[in-house]
Amino acid sequence: MADGRHTTEAKAAKEAAKAKAAQDAKAAEARTRLLARLPHLPDEELRILSLNAERLEQSGTAGQKAQASAMLPAIRAALAERAAARPPVKPRAVRKVAATAQG
């Protein structure tokens, strides 16, 4: 009887490993699709994606933390690349106020 139970446990462990591998493959595919979309996302959506990934990295489930950690370097690189491509912002000219005569 012990052999039958061992075989059942081994099958269950094998199925669990197979399910985890499938889940990991699905997550990797989702990351790949998202990475491919990063250059095409509008600036605001990319900024929101960054904020969400940072939030999940801090307070998400273990899987969410892992995915966020895997994605954040690419998201941050895309944000930095866009920031570097923008023309520099000129400082606003300060208007001088003429001194009034006091008398």
N, C-alpha and C. Protein backbone atom coordinates (compact mmCIF):
# COMPACT_ATOMS: atom_id res chain seq x y z
N MET A 1 0.82 -1.20 0.00
CA MET A 1 0.00 0.00 0.00
C MET A 1 0.86 1.25 0.00
N ALA A 2 2.02 1.19 0.65
CA ALA A 2 2.89 2.35 0.70
C ALA A 2 3.37 2.74 -0.69
N ASP A 3 3.59 1.73 -1.56
CA ASP A 3 4.03 2.03 -2.92
C ASP A 3 2.96 2.77 -3.69
N GLY A 4 1.70 2.41 -3.49
CA GLY A 4 0.60 3.09 -4.18
C GLY A 4 0.48 4.54 -3.76
N ARG A 5 0.64 4.80 -2.48
CA ARG A 5 0.56 6.17 -1.98
C ARG A 5 1.75 6.98 -2.50
N HIS A 6 2.93 6.36 -2.51
CA HIS A 6 4.12 7.05 -2.99
C HIS A 6 3.96 7.42 -4.47
N THR A 7 3.41 6.49 -5.24
CA THR A 7 3.19 6.73 -6.66
C THR A 7 2.20 7.87 -6.86
N THR A 8 1.14 7.91 -6.06
CA THR A 8 0.14 8.97 -6.17
C THR A 8 0.76 10.31 -5.80
N GLU A 9 1.58 10.34 -4.74
CA GLU A 9 2.23 11.58 -4.34
C GLU A 9 3.22 12.05 -5.40
N ALA A 10 3.92 11.10 -6.01
CA ALA A 10 4.88 11.44 -7.05
C ALA A 10 4.16 12.02 -8.27
N LYS A 11 3.02 11.43 -8.61
CA LYS A 11 2.24 11.95 -9.74
C LYS A 11 1.74 13.35 -9.45
N ALA A 12 1.26 13.56 -8.21
CA ALA A 12 0.76 14.88 -7.82
C ALA A 12 1.89 15.92 -7.87
N ALA A 13 3.06 15.54 -7.40
CA ALA A 13 4.20 16.45 -7.42
C ALA A 13 4.61 16.76 -8.86
N LYS A 14 4.57 15.75 -9.71
CA LYS A 14 4.93 15.94 -11.11
C LYS A 14 3.93 16.87 -11.79
N GLU A 15 2.64 16.69 -11.50
CA GLU A 15 1.60 17.55 -12.08
C GLU A 15 1.74 18.99 -11.57
N ALA A 16 2.07 19.14 -10.28
CA ALA A 16 2.26 20.48 -9.72
C ALA A 16 3.44 21.18 -10.37
N ALA A 17 4.51 20.43 -10.59
CA ALA A 17 5.69 21.01 -11.25
C ALA A 17 5.37 21.39 -12.68
N LYS A 18 4.59 20.55 -13.34
CA LYS A 18 4.20 20.83 -14.72
C LYS A 18 3.32 22.09 -14.78
N ALA A 19 2.39 22.22 -13.83
CA ALA A 19 1.52 23.39 -13.79
C ALA A 19 2.33 24.65 -13.51
N LYS A 20 3.30 24.57 -12.60
CA LYS A 20 4.14 25.73 -12.29
C LYS A 20 4.97 26.13 -13.50
N ALA A 21 5.50 25.16 -14.22
CA ALA A 21 6.29 25.45 -15.41
C ALA A 21 5.43 26.14 -16.46
N ALA A 22 4.20 25.68 -16.62
CA ALA A 22 3.28 26.31 -17.58
C ALA A 22 2.96 27.73 -17.15
N GLN A 23 2.76 27.94 -15.85
CA GLN A 23 2.46 29.27 -15.34
C GLN A 23 3.67 30.19 -15.53
N ASP A 24 4.86 29.69 -15.27
CA ASP A 24 6.08 30.48 -15.47
C ASP A 24 6.27 30.84 -16.93
N ALA A 25 5.98 29.90 -17.83
CA ALA A 25 6.10 30.17 -19.26
C ALA A 25 5.09 31.24 -19.69
N LYS A 26 3.90 31.16 -19.15
CA LYS A 26 2.87 32.15 -19.48
C LYS A 26 3.28 33.54 -18.99
N ALA A 27 3.85 33.62 -17.79
CA ALA A 27 4.31 34.89 -17.24
C ALA A 27 5.46 35.45 -18.07
N ALA A 28 6.37 34.60 -18.49
CA ALA A 28 7.49 35.05 -19.32
C ALA A 28 6.99 35.57 -20.66
N GLU A 29 6.00 34.91 -21.22
CA GLU A 29 5.42 35.36 -22.49
C GLU A 29 4.75 36.72 -22.32
N ALA A 30 4.05 36.92 -21.22
CA ALA A 30 3.39 38.20 -20.94
C ALA A 30 4.43 39.31 -20.79
N ARG A 31 5.55 39.02 -20.09
CA ARG A 31 6.62 40.01 -19.95
C ARG A 31 7.20 40.37 -21.31
N THR A 32 7.39 39.37 -22.15
CA THR A 32 7.95 39.61 -23.48
C THR A 32 7.03 40.50 -24.31
N ARG A 33 5.73 40.21 -24.24
CA ARG A 33 4.77 41.05 -24.98
C ARG A 33 4.78 42.48 -24.46
N LEU A 34 4.85 42.64 -23.16
CA LEU A 34 4.85 43.98 -22.58
C LEU A 34 6.13 44.72 -22.96
N LEU A 35 7.26 44.03 -22.91
CA LEU A 35 8.52 44.66 -23.30
C LEU A 35 8.48 45.14 -24.74
N ALA A 36 7.84 44.37 -25.60
CA ALA A 36 7.72 44.76 -27.00
C ALA A 36 6.83 45.99 -27.17
N ARG A 37 5.88 46.18 -26.25
CA ARG A 37 4.96 47.31 -26.34
C ARG A 37 5.52 48.59 -25.74
N LEU A 38 6.54 48.50 -24.89
CA LEU A 38 7.04 49.68 -24.18
C LEU A 38 7.37 50.86 -25.10
N PRO A 39 8.06 50.65 -26.22
CA PRO A 39 8.39 51.80 -27.07
C PRO A 39 7.16 52.49 -27.68
N HIS A 40 6.04 51.78 -27.73
CA HIS A 40 4.85 52.33 -28.38
C HIS A 40 3.86 52.95 -27.39
N LEU A 41 4.10 52.78 -26.09
CA LEU A 41 3.18 53.33 -25.10
C LEU A 41 3.36 54.84 -25.01
N PRO A 42 2.25 55.56 -24.86
CA PRO A 42 2.37 57.01 -24.62
C PRO A 42 3.11 57.26 -23.30
N ASP A 43 3.71 58.42 -23.17
CA ASP A 43 4.49 58.76 -21.98
C ASP A 43 3.69 58.57 -20.70
N GLU A 44 2.45 59.04 -20.69
CA GLU A 44 1.63 58.95 -19.48
C GLU A 44 1.37 57.49 -19.10
N GLU A 45 1.07 56.64 -20.07
CA GLU A 45 0.83 55.22 -19.77
C GLU A 45 2.10 54.55 -19.25
N LEU A 46 3.23 54.92 -19.80
CA LEU A 46 4.50 54.35 -19.34
C LEU A 46 4.79 54.80 -17.91
N ARG A 47 4.48 56.04 -17.59
CA ARG A 47 4.68 56.54 -16.23
C ARG A 47 3.77 55.80 -15.25
N ILE A 48 2.51 55.59 -15.64
CA ILE A 48 1.57 54.86 -14.78
C ILE A 48 2.02 53.41 -14.61
N LEU A 49 2.49 52.79 -15.68
CA LEU A 49 2.99 51.42 -15.60
C LEU A 49 4.16 51.35 -14.61
N SER A 50 5.02 52.34 -14.65
CA SER A 50 6.15 52.38 -13.73
C SER A 50 5.67 52.49 -12.28
N LEU A 51 4.72 53.37 -12.03
CA LEU A 51 4.19 53.53 -10.67
C LEU A 51 3.54 52.25 -10.18
N ASN A 52 2.78 51.60 -11.04
CA ASN A 52 2.12 50.34 -10.66
C ASN A 52 3.14 49.25 -10.37
N ALA A 53 4.16 49.16 -11.19
CA ALA A 53 5.19 48.13 -10.98
C ALA A 53 5.94 48.39 -9.67
N GLU A 54 6.23 49.67 -9.38
CA GLU A 54 6.90 49.99 -8.12
C GLU A 54 6.02 49.63 -6.93
N ARG A 55 4.72 49.90 -7.04
CA ARG A 55 3.79 49.57 -5.96
C ARG A 55 3.73 48.06 -5.75
N LEU A 56 3.62 47.31 -6.85
CA LEU A 56 3.55 45.85 -6.74
C LEU A 56 4.85 45.26 -6.20
N GLU A 57 5.96 45.86 -6.56
CA GLU A 57 7.25 45.37 -6.06
C GLU A 57 7.33 45.52 -4.54
N GLN A 58 6.67 46.53 -4.00
CA GLN A 58 6.69 46.77 -2.56
C GLN A 58 5.62 45.98 -1.81
N SER A 59 4.41 45.89 -2.39
CA SER A 59 3.30 45.35 -1.60
C SER A 59 2.47 44.28 -2.31
N GLY A 60 2.96 43.72 -3.39
CA GLY A 60 2.21 42.70 -4.09
C GLY A 60 2.46 41.31 -3.52
N THR A 61 1.83 40.34 -4.16
CA THR A 61 2.08 38.95 -3.79
C THR A 61 3.49 38.57 -4.24
N ALA A 62 3.93 37.41 -3.86
CA ALA A 62 5.29 36.98 -4.24
C ALA A 62 5.45 36.97 -5.76
N GLY A 63 4.44 36.48 -6.48
CA GLY A 63 4.50 36.45 -7.94
C GLY A 63 4.50 37.84 -8.54
N GLN A 64 3.67 38.73 -7.98
CA GLN A 64 3.62 40.11 -8.47
C GLN A 64 4.94 40.83 -8.22
N LYS A 65 5.52 40.59 -7.04
CA LYS A 65 6.80 41.21 -6.73
C LYS A 65 7.88 40.76 -7.72
N ALA A 66 7.88 39.46 -8.02
CA ALA A 66 8.88 38.92 -8.94
C ALA A 66 8.71 39.50 -10.34
N GLN A 67 7.47 39.57 -10.80
CA GLN A 67 7.24 40.12 -12.14
C GLN A 67 7.57 41.60 -12.20
N ALA A 68 7.19 42.34 -11.16
CA ALA A 68 7.48 43.77 -11.14
C ALA A 68 8.99 43.99 -11.13
N SER A 69 9.70 43.21 -10.33
CA SER A 69 11.16 43.34 -10.27
C SER A 69 11.80 43.03 -11.62
N ALA A 70 11.22 42.09 -12.34
CA ALA A 70 11.76 41.73 -13.65
C ALA A 70 11.49 42.81 -14.69
N MET A 71 10.37 43.52 -14.54
CA MET A 71 9.98 44.51 -15.54
C MET A 71 10.53 45.91 -15.28
N LEU A 72 10.74 46.26 -14.02
CA LEU A 72 11.13 47.63 -13.69
C LEU A 72 12.39 48.13 -14.40
N PRO A 73 13.44 47.35 -14.53
CA PRO A 73 14.62 47.88 -15.23
C PRO A 73 14.31 48.33 -16.67
N ALA A 74 13.51 47.55 -17.38
CA ALA A 74 13.16 47.92 -18.75
C ALA A 74 12.27 49.16 -18.79
N ILE A 75 11.33 49.23 -17.85
CA ILE A 75 10.43 50.39 -17.78
C ILE A 75 11.23 51.64 -17.46
N ARG A 76 12.11 51.54 -16.47
CA ARG A 76 12.92 52.70 -16.09
C ARG A 76 13.84 53.13 -17.22
N ALA A 77 14.38 52.16 -17.94
CA ALA A 77 15.25 52.49 -19.08
C ALA A 77 14.46 53.23 -20.16
N ALA A 78 13.23 52.78 -20.42
CA ALA A 78 12.40 53.45 -21.43
C ALA A 78 12.07 54.88 -21.00
N LEU A 79 11.77 55.06 -19.72
CA LEU A 79 11.49 56.41 -19.20
C LEU A 79 12.72 57.30 -19.32
N ALA A 80 13.88 56.78 -18.96
CA ALA A 80 15.12 57.56 -19.04
C ALA A 80 15.46 57.91 -20.48
N GLU A 81 15.24 56.98 -21.37
CA GLU A 81 15.52 57.21 -22.79
C GLU A 81 14.64 58.34 -23.32
N ARG A 82 13.36 58.31 -22.94
CA ARG A 82 12.44 59.36 -23.39
C ARG A 82 12.81 60.71 -22.78
N ALA A 83 13.20 60.72 -21.52
CA ALA A 83 13.58 61.96 -20.87
C ALA A 83 14.82 62.57 -21.53
N ALA A 84 15.76 61.72 -21.91
CA ALA A 84 16.99 62.20 -22.56
C ALA A 84 16.69 62.71 -23.96
N ALA A 85 15.67 62.19 -24.61
CA ALA A 85 15.34 62.60 -25.97
C ALA A 85 14.58 63.93 -26.02
N ARG A 86 13.99 64.32 -24.89
CA ARG A 86 13.25 65.59 -24.86
C ARG A 86 14.22 66.75 -24.90
N PRO A 87 13.81 67.83 -25.58
CA PRO A 87 14.68 69.02 -25.57
C PRO A 87 14.70 69.62 -24.17
N PRO A 88 15.80 70.24 -23.80
CA PRO A 88 15.87 70.82 -22.46
C PRO A 88 14.86 71.95 -22.30
N VAL A 89 14.37 72.09 -21.11
CA VAL A 89 13.40 73.13 -20.81
C VAL A 89 14.15 74.40 -20.46
N LYS A 90 13.81 75.49 -21.17
CA LYS A 90 14.45 76.76 -20.90
C LYS A 90 13.85 77.36 -19.63
N PRO A 91 14.69 77.93 -18.80
CA PRO A 91 14.14 78.57 -17.61
C PRO A 91 13.34 79.81 -18.01
N ARG A 92 12.31 80.07 -17.28
CA ARG A 92 11.49 81.25 -17.57
C ARG A 92 12.26 82.51 -17.21
N ALA A 93 12.08 83.52 -18.06
CA ALA A 93 12.72 84.80 -17.81
C ALA A 93 12.00 85.48 -16.65
N VAL A 94 12.77 86.09 -15.80
CA VAL A 94 12.20 86.81 -14.66
C VAL A 94 12.11 88.28 -15.05
N ARG A 95 10.93 88.81 -14.92
CA ARG A 95 10.73 90.21 -15.27
C ARG A 95 11.23 91.09 -14.12
N LYS A 96 12.06 92.06 -14.49
CA LYS A 96 12.56 92.97 -13.47
C LYS A 96 11.53 94.08 -13.27
N VAL A 97 11.30 94.40 -12.03
CA VAL A 97 10.38 95.46 -11.71
C VAL A 97 11.16 96.74 -11.52
N ALA A 98 10.72 97.80 -12.17
CA ALA A 98 11.41 99.09 -12.07
C ALA A 98 11.26 99.63 -10.65
N ALA A 99 12.32 100.18 -10.17
CA ALA A 99 12.28 100.77 -8.83
C ALA A 99 11.44 102.03 -8.87
N THR A 100 10.59 102.19 -7.93
CA THR A 100 9.76 103.39 -7.89
C THR A 100 10.42 104.43 -7.01
N ALA A 101 10.26 105.67 -7.40
CA ALA A 101 10.86 106.77 -6.63
C ALA A 101 10.05 106.99 -5.36
N GLN A 102 10.75 107.03 -4.29
CA GLN A 102 10.06 107.28 -3.02
C GLN A 102 10.37 108.72 -2.61
N GLY A 103 9.40 109.41 -2.24
CA GLY A 103 9.71 110.80 -1.96
C GLY A 103 8.82 111.49 -1.08
